[in-house]
N, C-alpha and C. Protein backbone atom coordinates (compact mmCIF):
# COMPACT_ATOMS: atom_id res chain seq x y z
N MET A 1 0.83 -1.25 0.27
CA MET A 1 0.03 -0.06 0.02
C MET A 1 1.16 1.18 -0.21
N LEU A 2 0.53 2.15 -0.74
CA LEU A 2 1.56 3.24 -0.89
C LEU A 2 0.71 4.38 0.15
N GLN A 3 2.17 4.85 0.83
CA GLN A 3 1.77 5.72 2.05
C GLN A 3 2.87 6.56 2.12
N PHE A 4 2.42 7.88 2.75
CA PHE A 4 3.44 8.84 2.57
C PHE A 4 3.75 9.24 4.23
N THR A 5 4.78 9.32 4.73
CA THR A 5 4.81 9.82 6.22
C THR A 5 5.65 11.04 6.13
N CYS A 6 4.84 11.71 7.11
CA CYS A 6 5.83 13.14 7.37
C CYS A 6 5.38 13.74 8.82
N SER A 7 6.48 13.78 9.56
CA SER A 7 6.25 14.27 11.07
C SER A 7 5.18 13.54 11.56
N SER A 8 5.37 12.11 11.36
CA SER A 8 4.70 10.98 12.21
C SER A 8 3.14 11.09 11.84
N ILE A 9 2.97 11.92 10.78
CA ILE A 9 1.27 12.01 9.87
C ILE A 9 1.59 11.04 8.91
N SER A 10 0.72 9.82 8.74
CA SER A 10 0.66 8.88 7.98
C SER A 10 -0.65 9.08 7.26
N ILE A 11 -0.41 9.19 5.71
CA ILE A 11 -1.69 9.51 4.77
C ILE A 11 -1.34 8.46 3.77
N ASP A 12 -2.54 7.65 3.70
CA ASP A 12 -2.75 6.45 3.03
C ASP A 12 -3.32 7.17 1.57
N TRP A 13 -2.60 7.32 0.71
CA TRP A 13 -2.96 8.05 -0.61
C TRP A 13 -4.10 7.39 -1.51
N ILE A 14 -4.21 5.91 -1.55
CA ILE A 14 -4.88 5.27 -2.37
C ILE A 14 -6.40 5.43 -1.46
N VAL A 15 -6.47 5.41 -0.11
CA VAL A 15 -7.75 5.74 0.46
C VAL A 15 -8.24 7.25 -0.04
N MET A 16 -7.49 8.09 -0.01
CA MET A 16 -7.81 9.87 -0.05
C MET A 16 -8.46 9.72 -1.65
N PHE A 17 -7.77 8.84 -2.54
CA PHE A 17 -8.25 8.92 -3.96
C PHE A 17 -9.40 8.30 -4.07
N GLU A 18 -9.50 7.09 -3.57
CA GLU A 18 -10.81 6.48 -3.73
C GLU A 18 -11.98 7.46 -2.99
N PHE A 19 -11.75 7.87 -1.87
CA PHE A 19 -12.85 8.64 -1.18
C PHE A 19 -13.01 9.98 -2.14
N LEU A 20 -12.09 10.52 -3.05
CA LEU A 20 -12.19 11.66 -3.85
C LEU A 20 -13.23 11.52 -5.01
N ILE A 21 -12.94 9.95 -5.41
CA ILE A 21 -13.57 9.39 -6.55
C ILE A 21 -15.18 9.38 -6.19
N GLN A 22 -15.23 8.92 -4.72
CA GLN A 22 -16.39 8.38 -4.49
C GLN A 22 -17.46 9.85 -4.13
N SER A 23 -16.61 10.80 -3.43
CA SER A 23 -17.53 12.12 -3.30
C SER A 23 -17.70 12.88 -4.23
N LEU A 24 -17.20 12.64 -5.31
CA LEU A 24 -17.17 13.30 -6.80
C LEU A 24 -18.21 12.63 -7.62
N GLN A 25 -18.36 11.68 -6.89
CA GLN A 25 -19.22 10.44 -8.32
C GLN A 25 -18.56 10.05 -9.35
N ILE A 26 -17.14 9.80 -9.65
CA ILE A 26 -16.70 9.93 -10.93
C ILE A 26 -16.19 8.48 -10.74
N LYS A 27 -16.05 7.83 -11.60
CA LYS A 27 -15.42 6.37 -11.87
C LYS A 27 -14.14 6.78 -12.35
N SER A 28 -13.04 5.83 -12.16
CA SER A 28 -11.84 5.81 -12.25
C SER A 28 -11.41 6.43 -13.79
N MET A 29 -12.22 5.66 -14.76
CA MET A 29 -11.74 6.11 -16.27
C MET A 29 -12.31 7.35 -16.48
N SER A 30 -13.23 7.93 -15.83
CA SER A 30 -13.75 9.14 -16.10
C SER A 30 -12.82 10.25 -15.66
N ILE A 31 -11.88 10.08 -14.45
CA ILE A 31 -11.23 11.00 -14.39
C ILE A 31 -9.74 11.32 -15.55
N PHE A 32 -9.50 10.12 -16.30
CA PHE A 32 -8.64 10.47 -17.33
C PHE A 32 -9.40 11.08 -18.54
N GLU A 33 -10.63 10.75 -18.68
CA GLU A 33 -11.52 11.50 -19.75
C GLU A 33 -11.64 13.04 -19.27
N ALA A 34 -11.85 13.14 -18.24
CA ALA A 34 -12.25 14.57 -17.67
C ALA A 34 -10.66 15.24 -17.86
N GLY A 35 -9.76 14.71 -17.72
CA GLY A 35 -8.23 15.42 -17.92
C GLY A 35 -8.28 15.66 -19.43
N MET A 36 -8.50 14.54 -20.20
CA MET A 36 -8.74 14.74 -21.53
C MET A 36 -9.52 16.06 -21.89
N LEU A 37 -10.56 16.18 -21.65
CA LEU A 37 -11.71 17.13 -21.84
C LEU A 37 -11.10 18.61 -21.32
N ILE A 38 -10.55 18.60 -20.20
CA ILE A 38 -10.24 20.13 -19.56
C ILE A 38 -8.79 20.27 -20.53
N CYS A 39 -8.15 19.55 -21.03
CA CYS A 39 -6.85 19.96 -21.70
C CYS A 39 -7.53 20.48 -23.12
N PHE A 40 -8.18 19.92 -23.84
CA PHE A 40 -8.68 19.83 -24.96
C PHE A 40 -9.66 21.59 -24.75
N GLY A 41 -10.51 21.51 -23.71
CA GLY A 41 -11.40 22.75 -23.46
C GLY A 41 -10.53 23.58 -23.24
N ALA A 42 -8.84 23.63 -22.76
CA ALA A 42 -8.25 24.74 -22.45
C ALA A 42 -7.60 25.38 -23.83
N SER A 43 -7.96 24.61 -24.94
CA SER A 43 -7.43 25.46 -25.89
C SER A 43 -8.83 26.03 -26.96
N TRP A 44 -9.94 25.48 -26.65
CA TRP A 44 -10.64 26.38 -27.72
C TRP A 44 -11.23 27.64 -27.45
N PRO A 45 -11.07 28.06 -26.27
CA PRO A 45 -11.38 29.61 -26.06
C PRO A 45 -10.42 30.34 -26.73
N PHE A 46 -8.97 30.11 -26.83
CA PHE A 46 -7.98 30.70 -27.91
C PHE A 46 -8.32 30.70 -28.98
N ALA A 47 -8.79 29.63 -29.45
CA ALA A 47 -9.12 29.30 -31.06
C ALA A 47 -10.26 30.24 -31.23
N VAL A 48 -11.20 30.32 -30.60
CA VAL A 48 -12.59 31.30 -30.77
C VAL A 48 -12.28 32.44 -30.81
N MET A 49 -11.26 33.26 -29.89
CA MET A 49 -11.29 34.34 -29.77
C MET A 49 -10.02 35.15 -30.80
N LYS A 50 -9.28 34.16 -31.46
CA LYS A 50 -8.39 34.34 -32.53
C LYS A 50 -9.43 34.61 -33.80
N THR A 51 -10.33 33.64 -33.97
CA THR A 51 -11.19 33.73 -35.21
C THR A 51 -11.94 34.79 -35.06
N TYR A 52 -12.65 35.10 -33.84
CA TYR A 52 -13.42 36.63 -33.62
C TYR A 52 -12.77 37.67 -33.85
N LYS A 53 -11.31 37.61 -33.10
CA LYS A 53 -10.44 38.89 -33.44
C LYS A 53 -9.97 39.17 -34.78
N THR A 54 -9.60 38.08 -35.44
CA THR A 54 -8.95 38.29 -36.75
C THR A 54 -10.01 38.30 -38.05
N LYS A 55 -11.26 37.90 -37.62
CA LYS A 55 -12.30 37.36 -38.79
C LYS A 55 -11.92 36.76 -39.82
N SER A 56 -10.99 35.96 -39.58
CA SER A 56 -10.55 35.30 -40.82
C SER A 56 -10.29 33.80 -40.52
N VAL A 57 -10.74 32.92 -41.21
CA VAL A 57 -10.72 31.48 -41.10
C VAL A 57 -9.78 31.00 -41.79
N LYS A 58 -8.49 31.58 -42.17
CA LYS A 58 -7.63 30.83 -43.01
C LYS A 58 -6.90 29.88 -42.01
N GLY A 59 -7.07 28.52 -42.61
CA GLY A 59 -6.46 27.26 -41.85
C GLY A 59 -7.15 26.65 -41.46
N LYS A 60 -8.62 27.22 -41.33
CA LYS A 60 -9.76 26.42 -40.49
C LYS A 60 -10.26 25.32 -41.37
N SER A 61 -10.74 24.52 -40.86
CA SER A 61 -11.16 23.19 -41.82
C SER A 61 -12.62 23.03 -41.32
N ARG A 62 -13.80 23.03 -41.95
CA ARG A 62 -15.16 22.85 -41.65
C ARG A 62 -15.33 21.54 -41.48
N LEU A 63 -14.77 20.34 -41.90
CA LEU A 63 -14.76 19.17 -41.73
C LEU A 63 -14.24 18.90 -40.60
N PHE A 64 -12.67 19.19 -39.91
CA PHE A 64 -12.16 19.24 -38.46
C PHE A 64 -13.08 19.14 -37.54
N LEU A 65 -13.51 20.57 -37.80
CA LEU A 65 -14.46 20.91 -36.53
C LEU A 65 -15.95 20.16 -36.50
N THR A 66 -16.37 19.82 -37.62
CA THR A 66 -17.75 18.77 -37.64
C THR A 66 -17.12 17.55 -37.04
N LEU A 67 -16.19 17.20 -37.14
CA LEU A 67 -15.75 15.51 -36.90
C LEU A 67 -15.63 15.65 -35.26
N ILE A 68 -14.99 17.08 -34.72
CA ILE A 68 -14.81 17.33 -33.57
C ILE A 68 -16.28 17.35 -32.87
N ILE A 69 -17.14 18.10 -33.35
CA ILE A 69 -18.67 18.15 -32.83
C ILE A 69 -19.04 16.49 -32.69
N ILE A 70 -19.08 15.84 -33.74
CA ILE A 70 -19.67 14.39 -33.91
C ILE A 70 -18.93 13.88 -32.52
N GLY A 71 -17.57 13.97 -32.40
CA GLY A 71 -17.38 13.15 -31.35
C GLY A 71 -17.48 13.46 -30.13
N TYR A 72 -17.80 14.83 -29.79
CA TYR A 72 -18.17 15.12 -28.55
C TYR A 72 -19.90 14.71 -28.39
N ILE A 73 -20.72 14.97 -29.24
CA ILE A 73 -21.95 14.04 -29.30
C ILE A 73 -21.87 12.68 -28.97
N PHE A 74 -21.05 12.03 -29.56
CA PHE A 74 -20.93 10.75 -29.13
C PHE A 74 -20.70 10.34 -27.88
N GLY A 75 -19.64 11.27 -27.36
CA GLY A 75 -19.19 11.29 -25.86
C GLY A 75 -20.29 11.49 -25.09
N MET A 76 -21.28 12.55 -25.42
CA MET A 76 -22.34 13.03 -24.54
C MET A 76 -23.35 11.82 -24.78
N ILE A 77 -23.38 11.06 -25.69
CA ILE A 77 -24.61 9.99 -25.55
C ILE A 77 -24.12 8.93 -24.85
N ASN A 78 -22.88 8.34 -24.93
CA ASN A 78 -22.31 7.38 -23.86
C ASN A 78 -22.46 7.80 -22.57
N LYS A 79 -22.19 9.07 -22.31
CA LYS A 79 -22.50 9.58 -20.81
C LYS A 79 -23.98 9.31 -20.57
N ILE A 80 -24.87 9.78 -21.41
CA ILE A 80 -26.35 9.56 -21.00
C ILE A 80 -26.54 8.21 -20.71
N LEU A 81 -25.95 7.23 -21.67
CA LEU A 81 -26.73 5.70 -21.85
C LEU A 81 -26.08 4.96 -20.54
N ASN A 82 -24.83 5.46 -20.06
CA ASN A 82 -23.88 4.77 -19.25
C ASN A 82 -24.26 5.10 -18.02
N SER A 83 -23.85 6.59 -17.91
CA SER A 83 -23.64 7.06 -16.55
C SER A 83 -23.36 8.49 -16.43
N VAL A 84 -24.48 8.95 -16.37
CA VAL A 84 -23.98 10.85 -16.48
C VAL A 84 -23.74 11.18 -15.10
N ASP A 85 -22.06 11.64 -15.25
CA ASP A 85 -21.29 12.36 -13.93
C ASP A 85 -21.35 13.76 -14.49
N ILE A 86 -20.18 14.15 -13.76
CA ILE A 86 -19.83 15.73 -13.82
C ILE A 86 -18.97 15.64 -15.17
N VAL A 87 -18.33 14.54 -15.73
CA VAL A 87 -17.73 14.61 -16.99
C VAL A 87 -18.54 15.05 -18.44
N PHE A 88 -19.87 14.66 -18.07
CA PHE A 88 -21.16 14.85 -19.41
C PHE A 88 -20.95 16.54 -19.19
N TRP A 89 -21.04 17.18 -18.29
CA TRP A 89 -20.88 18.93 -18.49
C TRP A 89 -19.77 19.13 -19.19
N LEU A 90 -18.59 18.80 -18.77
CA LEU A 90 -17.34 19.03 -19.70
C LEU A 90 -17.31 18.99 -20.98
N TYR A 91 -18.11 17.56 -21.30
CA TYR A 91 -18.66 17.78 -23.17
C TYR A 91 -19.36 18.75 -23.24
N VAL A 92 -20.56 19.08 -22.61
CA VAL A 92 -21.31 20.10 -23.23
C VAL A 92 -20.30 21.52 -22.87
N VAL A 93 -19.54 21.64 -22.41
CA VAL A 93 -18.75 22.93 -22.36
C VAL A 93 -18.10 22.90 -23.70
N ASN A 94 -17.39 21.93 -23.85
CA ASN A 94 -16.15 21.69 -25.21
C ASN A 94 -17.26 21.66 -26.26
N LEU A 95 -18.62 21.19 -26.06
CA LEU A 95 -19.35 21.30 -27.51
C LEU A 95 -19.96 22.76 -27.83
N LEU A 96 -20.05 23.36 -26.70
CA LEU A 96 -20.45 24.76 -26.97
C LEU A 96 -19.33 25.57 -27.84
N LEU A 97 -18.00 25.50 -26.90
CA LEU A 97 -16.94 26.07 -27.49
C LEU A 97 -16.62 25.85 -28.64
N VAL A 98 -16.66 24.77 -29.47
CA VAL A 98 -16.23 24.32 -30.71
C VAL A 98 -17.76 24.67 -31.54
N GLY A 99 -18.62 24.52 -31.13
CA GLY A 99 -19.60 24.97 -31.95
C GLY A 99 -19.84 26.09 -32.30
N SER A 100 -19.50 27.39 -31.27
CA SER A 100 -19.25 28.74 -31.47
C SER A 100 -17.97 28.96 -32.66
N ASP A 101 -16.83 28.13 -32.65
CA ASP A 101 -15.81 28.31 -33.46
C ASP A 101 -16.39 28.30 -34.65
N PHE A 102 -17.32 26.89 -34.64
CA PHE A 102 -17.78 26.50 -36.19
C PHE A 102 -18.56 27.65 -36.91
N ILE A 103 -19.62 28.14 -36.20
CA ILE A 103 -20.38 29.15 -36.51
C ILE A 103 -19.52 30.43 -36.86
N LEU A 104 -18.69 30.73 -36.04
CA LEU A 104 -17.80 32.10 -36.80
C LEU A 104 -17.13 31.51 -37.92
N CYS A 105 -16.58 30.38 -38.14
CA CYS A 105 -15.82 29.89 -39.39
C CYS A 105 -16.96 30.08 -40.38
N LEU A 106 -18.30 29.66 -40.20
CA LEU A 106 -19.05 29.88 -41.37
C LEU A 106 -19.48 31.33 -41.80
N LEU A 107 -19.65 32.30 -40.64
CA LEU A 107 -19.79 33.18 -41.00
C LEU A 107 -18.75 34.27 -41.61
N TYR A 108 -17.65 34.02 -41.03
CA TYR A 108 -16.46 34.79 -41.77
C TYR A 108 -16.30 33.82 -43.15
N ARG A 109 -16.20 33.01 -43.32
CA ARG A 109 -16.03 32.17 -44.90
C ARG A 109 -16.79 33.09 -45.71
N ASN A 110 -18.24 32.77 -45.32
CA ASN A 110 -19.20 33.77 -46.15
C ASN A 110 -18.70 35.11 -46.79
N ARG A 111 -18.67 35.79 -45.48
CA ARG A 111 -17.38 37.17 -45.99
C ARG A 111 -16.74 36.97 -46.96
N GLU A 112 -15.89 36.33 -46.58
CA GLU A 112 -14.51 35.94 -47.34
C GLU A 112 -14.76 36.10 -48.97
N GLU A 113 -15.77 34.87 -49.12
CA GLU A 113 -16.08 34.55 -50.07
C GLU A 113 -17.08 35.65 -50.94
N ASN A 114 -17.60 36.43 -50.51
CA ASN A 114 -18.61 37.78 -50.97
C ASN A 114 -17.74 39.03 -51.40
N ARG A 115 -16.40 39.00 -50.95
CA ARG A 115 -15.40 40.19 -51.29
C ARG A 115 -15.42 39.83 -52.77
């Protein structure tokens, strides 16, 4: 068993980890899924702001954004069918961010084509 001892205080890290999982009602695989979604979600606001500020969609692929949106929808369906937990809401936030980038891409692409 993994233990950490400091100044005669013994902490059982596995018990703390299990308590955290149970208190947040997150399954162990969802922690890694949550980490993935947090990392992806951290990058989307920058992409959306860049598109909004520059009003340029050069290098943006509608196909790529569509595939990401479909992937997030499948992840949400999986959560609904198996176990809705806090990770479901990470999918929702990511979907909204990618969806807003996709809408900006459509708007600004039409503007560039009309010039």
